[in-house]
Amino acid sequence: MPHLESLPALAVTGATGHIGSLVARQLADAGLAQRLLVRRPGSAPDLPSAAVVGCTYEDSSVSRAALDGVDVLFMVSGAEHPDRLDQHRGFVDAAVAAGVGHVVYLSFFGAAPDATFTLARDHWATEQHIIAAGPRYTFLRNAFYTDFFEAMTGADGVLRGPAGTGRVASVTRADVARVAAAVLQRPQDHQGATYDVTGPEELSLTEVAATITEVTGRSVVYHDESIAEAYESRRAWDAPEWQYDAWVSTYTAIAAGELVPASDHVLRVTGRPPESLRDHLGSVEG
């Protein structure tokens, strides 16, 4: 590990993943020095004024050392795992022990102890642990990712799930990263804030399918599965039961109205409106 006294006081986790790497690049473009805490140092992006430090959420002693001297921390949630909440709590405790003053946590829209989307419950519990631990904090509750809709559509052109006529205010990962980078550049302006990071519109999955068809030319339709159908169709992939619950509850949360309303927080924080699904698809196609 590099000498801690030489490392920057702004740290970013998840820099080998999609959101973390986008945030790290934007901070580098803004001229900020940063410490990239990553599981695989060899996979970290090569950025100016960025020091790479190996770190995992599972190992609190390594995390404590990696976070020494950090004042502002961007904490991306860990990979989906049955022990993820315990890992989050251990990492937060290590951050506080290391003297981290402000945690910017990437949470999920509608995080609550009784959220329909099962993983949103872990995000709520992580938020509560951060609050109880005592650092300054900012919570970025991103909505479902707009980027995922095409990938969720089967090879048969069917977007399937038990979402009914519910609506979702999805957001692009690029817009989430823009919000995070803006907050990290002026964390003092966002102390204690919880932002609902959504796109500009609330769409049903029928409208999502129609938009994909119109913009891309690929014929896509939405099939409103029953819950039993949803579990059965997803058993094509070998996964533990908690993972099936998470996958299916993504859709039942939409049906329950828990992934709306759209907010203006992307515009408020960054000064630029978020992308719509049509905008996003058009930029990918272009």
Protein backbone atom coordinates (compact mmCIF):
# COMPACT_ATOMS: atom_id res chain seq x y z
CA MET A 1 0.00 0.00 0.00
CA PRO A 2 1.28 3.53 -0.75
CA HIS A 3 2.27 5.74 2.17
CA LEU A 4 -1.03 6.90 3.68
CA GLU A 5 0.20 10.41 4.32
CA SER A 6 0.68 10.83 0.57
CA LEU A 7 -2.83 9.68 -0.39
CA PRO A 8 -5.72 12.03 -1.20
CA ALA A 9 -8.50 12.57 1.34
CA LEU A 10 -11.30 11.86 -1.17
CA ALA A 11 -11.96 8.14 -1.70
CA VAL A 12 -14.13 6.34 -4.24
CA THR A 13 -15.15 2.68 -3.98
CA GLY A 14 -16.25 0.55 -6.91
CA ALA A 15 -13.98 2.25 -9.45
CA THR A 16 -13.72 -1.00 -11.41
CA GLY A 17 -17.52 -1.07 -11.79
CA HIS A 18 -19.77 1.04 -13.98
CA ILE A 19 -20.95 3.80 -11.61
CA GLY A 20 -17.71 4.04 -9.65
CA SER A 21 -15.58 4.30 -12.77
CA LEU A 22 -17.80 7.01 -14.24
CA VAL A 23 -17.61 8.99 -11.00
CA ALA A 24 -13.84 8.57 -10.72
CA ARG A 25 -13.32 9.78 -14.30
CA GLN A 26 -15.50 12.84 -13.76
CA LEU A 27 -13.60 13.72 -10.59
CA ALA A 28 -10.32 13.31 -12.46
CA ASP A 29 -11.61 15.54 -15.26
CA ALA A 30 -12.44 18.15 -12.62
CA GLY A 31 -8.83 18.02 -11.40
CA LEU A 32 -9.52 16.34 -8.04
CA ALA A 33 -7.06 13.96 -6.42
CA GLN A 34 -8.70 10.77 -5.21
CA ARG A 35 -8.04 7.41 -3.65
CA LEU A 36 -9.59 4.47 -5.54
CA LEU A 37 -10.50 1.62 -3.18
CA VAL A 38 -10.89 -1.49 -5.29
CA ARG A 39 -11.00 -5.25 -4.91
CA ARG A 40 -8.74 -5.80 -7.95
CA PRO A 41 -6.09 -3.05 -8.14
CA GLY A 42 -4.89 -4.26 -11.53
CA SER A 43 -8.32 -3.52 -13.01
CA ALA A 44 -8.57 0.05 -11.70
CA PRO A 45 -8.69 2.88 -14.25
CA ASP A 46 -5.46 4.77 -14.83
CA LEU A 47 -6.41 8.32 -13.88
CA PRO A 48 -4.34 11.41 -13.09
CA SER A 49 -3.94 12.18 -9.38
CA ALA A 50 -5.57 8.86 -8.43
CA ALA A 51 -3.95 6.46 -5.97
CA VAL A 52 -5.15 2.85 -6.13
CA VAL A 53 -5.55 0.91 -2.88
CA GLY A 54 -6.66 -2.71 -2.53
CA CYS A 55 -9.69 -3.06 -0.27
CA THR A 56 -12.69 -5.34 0.27
CA TYR A 57 -15.83 -4.75 2.31
CA GLU A 58 -15.42 -8.18 3.90
CA ASP A 59 -12.08 -7.38 5.56
CA SER A 60 -12.58 -4.63 8.14
CA SER A 61 -8.92 -4.42 9.14
CA VAL A 62 -7.82 -3.85 5.53
CA SER A 63 -10.66 -1.35 5.06
CA ARG A 64 -9.65 0.52 8.20
CA ALA A 65 -6.08 0.90 6.92
CA ALA A 66 -7.19 1.82 3.38
CA LEU A 67 -9.48 4.57 4.72
CA ASP A 68 -6.95 6.17 7.06
CA GLY A 69 -6.79 9.89 6.31
CA VAL A 70 -9.94 9.92 4.15
CA ASP A 71 -12.37 12.76 4.82
CA VAL A 72 -15.00 12.23 2.10
CA LEU A 73 -15.96 8.71 0.96
CA PHE A 74 -18.14 7.65 -1.95
CA MET A 75 -19.53 4.25 -0.98
CA VAL A 76 -21.00 2.16 -3.76
CA SER A 77 -23.10 -0.71 -2.44
CA GLY A 78 -21.39 -4.09 -2.52
CA ALA A 79 -22.17 -6.91 -4.92
CA GLU A 80 -25.49 -8.65 -4.27
CA HIS A 81 -24.80 -11.29 -1.61
CA PRO A 82 -26.70 -12.76 1.34
CA ASP A 83 -24.13 -11.17 3.69
CA ARG A 84 -24.03 -7.78 1.96
CA LEU A 85 -25.67 -5.87 4.82
CA ASP A 86 -23.13 -7.20 7.33
CA GLN A 87 -20.36 -6.27 4.91
CA HIS A 88 -21.75 -2.74 4.60
CA ARG A 89 -21.97 -2.33 8.35
CA GLY A 90 -18.39 -3.55 8.81
CA PHE A 91 -17.12 -1.16 6.15
CA VAL A 92 -19.00 1.80 7.64
CA ASP A 93 -17.59 0.98 11.08
CA ALA A 94 -14.09 0.79 9.58
CA ALA A 95 -14.63 4.18 7.92
CA VAL A 96 -15.69 5.79 11.17
CA ALA A 97 -12.77 4.21 13.02
CA ALA A 98 -10.44 5.62 10.35
CA GLY A 99 -11.85 9.12 10.88
CA VAL A 100 -13.92 9.49 7.69
CA GLY A 101 -15.95 12.66 8.07
CA HIS A 102 -18.55 12.37 5.30
CA VAL A 103 -20.03 9.28 3.62
CA VAL A 104 -21.84 9.64 0.30
CA TYR A 105 -23.74 6.37 -0.04
CA LEU A 106 -25.28 5.00 -3.24
CA SER A 107 -28.62 3.69 -2.01
CA PHE A 108 -31.89 2.82 -3.78
CA PHE A 109 -35.14 4.65 -4.47
CA GLY A 110 -37.79 3.94 -1.85
CA ALA A 111 -35.35 2.37 0.60
CA ALA A 112 -37.45 1.28 3.58
CA PRO A 113 -37.61 -1.60 6.08
CA ASP A 114 -40.75 -2.92 4.38
CA ALA A 115 -39.91 -2.09 0.75
CA THR A 116 -41.37 -4.50 -1.80
CA PHE A 117 -38.02 -4.68 -3.61
CA THR A 118 -36.14 -6.91 -1.20
CA LEU A 119 -32.70 -5.36 -1.72
CA ALA A 120 -34.05 -1.88 -0.93
CA ARG A 121 -34.48 -3.09 2.65
CA ASP A 122 -30.73 -3.64 2.95
CA HIS A 123 -30.11 -0.16 1.57
CA TRP A 124 -32.39 1.34 4.23
CA ALA A 125 -30.60 -0.61 6.95
CA THR A 126 -27.24 0.60 5.63
CA GLU A 127 -28.47 4.20 5.67
CA GLN A 128 -29.61 3.78 9.27
CA HIS A 129 -26.25 2.33 10.25
CA ILE A 130 -24.43 5.28 8.69
CA ILE A 131 -26.66 7.72 10.56
CA ALA A 132 -26.12 5.89 13.85
CA ALA A 133 -22.35 5.69 13.29
CA GLY A 134 -22.17 9.47 13.26
CA PRO A 135 -20.35 10.79 10.17
CA ARG A 136 -21.83 13.46 7.95
CA TYR A 137 -23.75 11.78 5.15
CA THR A 138 -25.50 12.18 1.82
CA PHE A 139 -27.74 9.43 0.43
CA LEU A 140 -28.21 9.04 -3.31
CA ARG A 141 -31.29 6.88 -3.83
CA ASN A 142 -31.05 5.95 -7.47
CA ALA A 143 -34.06 4.51 -9.28
CA PHE A 144 -34.00 1.42 -11.48
CA TYR A 145 -31.46 1.81 -14.28
CA THR A 146 -32.84 2.85 -17.67
CA ASP A 147 -29.82 1.13 -19.23
CA PHE A 148 -31.13 -2.29 -18.20
CA PHE A 149 -34.47 -2.37 -20.06
CA GLU A 150 -33.09 -3.66 -23.34
CA ALA A 151 -31.02 -6.32 -21.59
CA MET A 152 -34.08 -7.46 -19.65
CA THR A 153 -35.91 -8.12 -22.90
CA GLY A 154 -35.67 -11.73 -24.00
CA ALA A 155 -34.36 -12.97 -27.33
CA ASP A 156 -38.03 -13.42 -28.28
CA GLY A 157 -38.62 -9.67 -27.94
CA VAL A 158 -40.65 -10.00 -24.75
CA LEU A 159 -40.09 -7.87 -21.65
CA ARG A 160 -41.73 -10.00 -18.99
CA GLY A 161 -42.44 -9.51 -15.31
CA PRO A 162 -45.29 -8.98 -12.81
CA ALA A 163 -45.31 -5.16 -12.95
CA GLY A 164 -48.94 -4.80 -14.04
CA THR A 165 -49.77 -1.24 -15.06
CA GLY A 166 -47.34 0.23 -12.52
CA ARG A 167 -44.88 2.91 -13.51
CA VAL A 168 -41.16 3.41 -12.95
CA ALA A 169 -39.11 6.64 -12.95
CA SER A 170 -35.93 4.96 -14.19
CA VAL A 171 -32.61 6.78 -14.48
CA THR A 172 -29.46 6.25 -16.55
CA ARG A 173 -26.26 5.24 -14.82
CA ALA A 174 -24.60 8.25 -16.43
CA ASP A 175 -27.03 10.58 -14.66
CA VAL A 176 -26.44 8.82 -11.33
CA ALA A 177 -22.70 9.30 -11.78
CA ARG A 178 -23.15 12.99 -12.62
CA VAL A 179 -25.07 13.53 -9.39
CA ALA A 180 -22.47 11.66 -7.34
CA ALA A 181 -19.58 13.59 -8.88
CA ALA A 182 -21.32 16.91 -8.25
CA VAL A 183 -21.97 16.02 -4.60
CA LEU A 184 -18.38 14.84 -4.07
CA GLN A 185 -16.99 18.10 -5.44
CA ARG A 186 -18.99 20.16 -2.91
CA PRO A 187 -19.99 17.75 -0.13
CA GLN A 188 -20.54 20.56 2.35
CA ASP A 189 -23.52 21.73 0.27
CA HIS A 190 -25.21 18.33 0.52
CA GLN A 191 -24.69 17.37 4.15
CA GLY A 192 -27.67 15.43 5.53
CA ALA A 193 -29.47 15.35 2.15
CA THR A 194 -31.28 12.37 0.65
CA TYR A 195 -31.73 12.65 -3.12
CA ASP A 196 -34.14 10.63 -5.22
CA VAL A 197 -32.09 10.20 -8.37
CA THR A 198 -34.62 9.49 -11.12
CA GLY A 199 -35.18 10.16 -14.77
CA PRO A 200 -37.66 12.77 -16.03
CA GLU A 201 -40.65 10.49 -16.66
CA GLU A 202 -42.79 7.74 -15.19
CA LEU A 203 -43.34 4.91 -17.67
CA SER A 204 -45.28 1.66 -17.58
CA LEU A 205 -43.46 -1.34 -18.99
CA THR A 206 -45.92 -1.33 -21.89
CA GLU A 207 -44.67 2.17 -22.69
CA VAL A 208 -41.07 1.07 -22.20
CA ALA A 209 -41.54 -1.74 -24.73
CA ALA A 210 -43.23 0.62 -27.20
CA THR A 211 -40.39 3.15 -26.88
CA ILE A 212 -37.72 0.51 -27.46
CA THR A 213 -39.62 -0.64 -30.55
CA GLU A 214 -39.99 2.87 -31.92
CA VAL A 215 -36.42 4.04 -31.34
CA THR A 216 -34.46 0.87 -32.10
CA GLY A 217 -36.67 -0.84 -34.64
CA ARG A 218 -36.56 -4.03 -32.57
CA SER A 219 -40.08 -5.36 -31.97
CA VAL A 220 -40.59 -5.52 -28.20
CA VAL A 221 -43.79 -6.22 -26.23
CA TYR A 222 -44.48 -6.39 -22.52
CA HIS A 223 -45.98 -9.52 -20.96
CA ASP A 224 -47.48 -9.04 -17.50
CA GLU A 225 -46.54 -12.29 -15.80
CA SER A 226 -48.21 -13.69 -12.72
CA ILE A 227 -45.87 -14.00 -9.77
CA ALA A 228 -45.80 -17.77 -10.21
CA GLU A 229 -44.88 -17.33 -13.88
CA ALA A 230 -42.16 -14.86 -12.94
CA TYR A 231 -40.46 -17.28 -10.56
CA GLU A 232 -40.74 -20.12 -13.06
CA SER A 233 -39.29 -18.14 -15.97
CA ARG A 234 -36.35 -16.97 -13.88
CA ARG A 235 -35.46 -20.49 -12.77
CA ALA A 236 -33.85 -20.82 -16.18
CA TRP A 237 -30.88 -19.30 -14.33
CA ASP A 238 -29.35 -21.21 -11.43
CA ALA A 239 -29.52 -18.89 -8.43
CA PRO A 240 -30.26 -18.98 -4.69
CA GLU A 241 -33.83 -18.32 -3.56
CA TRP A 242 -33.04 -14.84 -2.21
CA GLN A 243 -31.82 -13.88 -5.67
CA TYR A 244 -35.07 -15.02 -7.30
CA ASP A 245 -36.94 -12.98 -4.69
CA ALA A 246 -34.89 -9.91 -5.60
CA TRP A 247 -35.39 -10.35 -9.34
CA VAL A 248 -39.15 -10.80 -9.08
CA SER A 249 -39.62 -8.02 -6.53
CA THR A 250 -38.04 -5.56 -8.95
CA TYR A 251 -41.28 -5.87 -10.90
CA THR A 252 -43.71 -6.20 -8.00
CA ALA A 253 -42.25 -2.96 -6.60
CA ILE A 254 -43.25 -1.28 -9.86
CA ALA A 255 -46.73 -2.80 -9.60
CA ALA A 256 -47.00 -1.52 -6.02
CA GLY A 257 -46.20 2.06 -7.12
CA GLU A 258 -42.95 2.19 -5.13
CA LEU A 259 -40.65 3.28 -8.00
CA VAL A 260 -42.35 6.63 -8.60
CA PRO A 261 -42.63 9.61 -8.57
CA ALA A 262 -39.98 11.19 -10.75
CA SER A 263 -38.01 13.89 -8.97
CA ASP A 264 -36.13 17.01 -10.07
CA HIS A 265 -33.05 16.15 -8.01
CA VAL A 266 -30.76 15.42 -10.96
CA LEU A 267 -31.48 18.88 -12.34
CA ARG A 268 -31.17 20.52 -8.92
CA VAL A 269 -27.81 18.94 -8.11
CA THR A 270 -26.14 19.06 -11.53
CA GLY A 271 -27.91 21.94 -13.29
CA ARG A 272 -28.76 19.64 -16.21
CA PRO A 273 -31.94 17.57 -16.70
CA PRO A 274 -31.72 13.77 -16.76
CA GLU A 275 -32.01 11.65 -19.89
CA SER A 276 -35.32 10.08 -20.84
CA LEU A 277 -35.51 6.50 -22.10
CA ARG A 278 -35.93 7.84 -25.63
CA ASP A 279 -32.85 10.07 -25.24
CA HIS A 280 -30.79 7.19 -23.90
CA LEU A 281 -31.81 4.73 -26.61
CA GLY A 282 -31.19 7.37 -29.29
CA SER A 283 -27.68 8.04 -28.00
CA VAL A 284 -26.86 4.32 -27.95
CA GLU A 285 -28.30 3.77 -31.42
CA GLY A 286 -26.48 6.86 -32.74
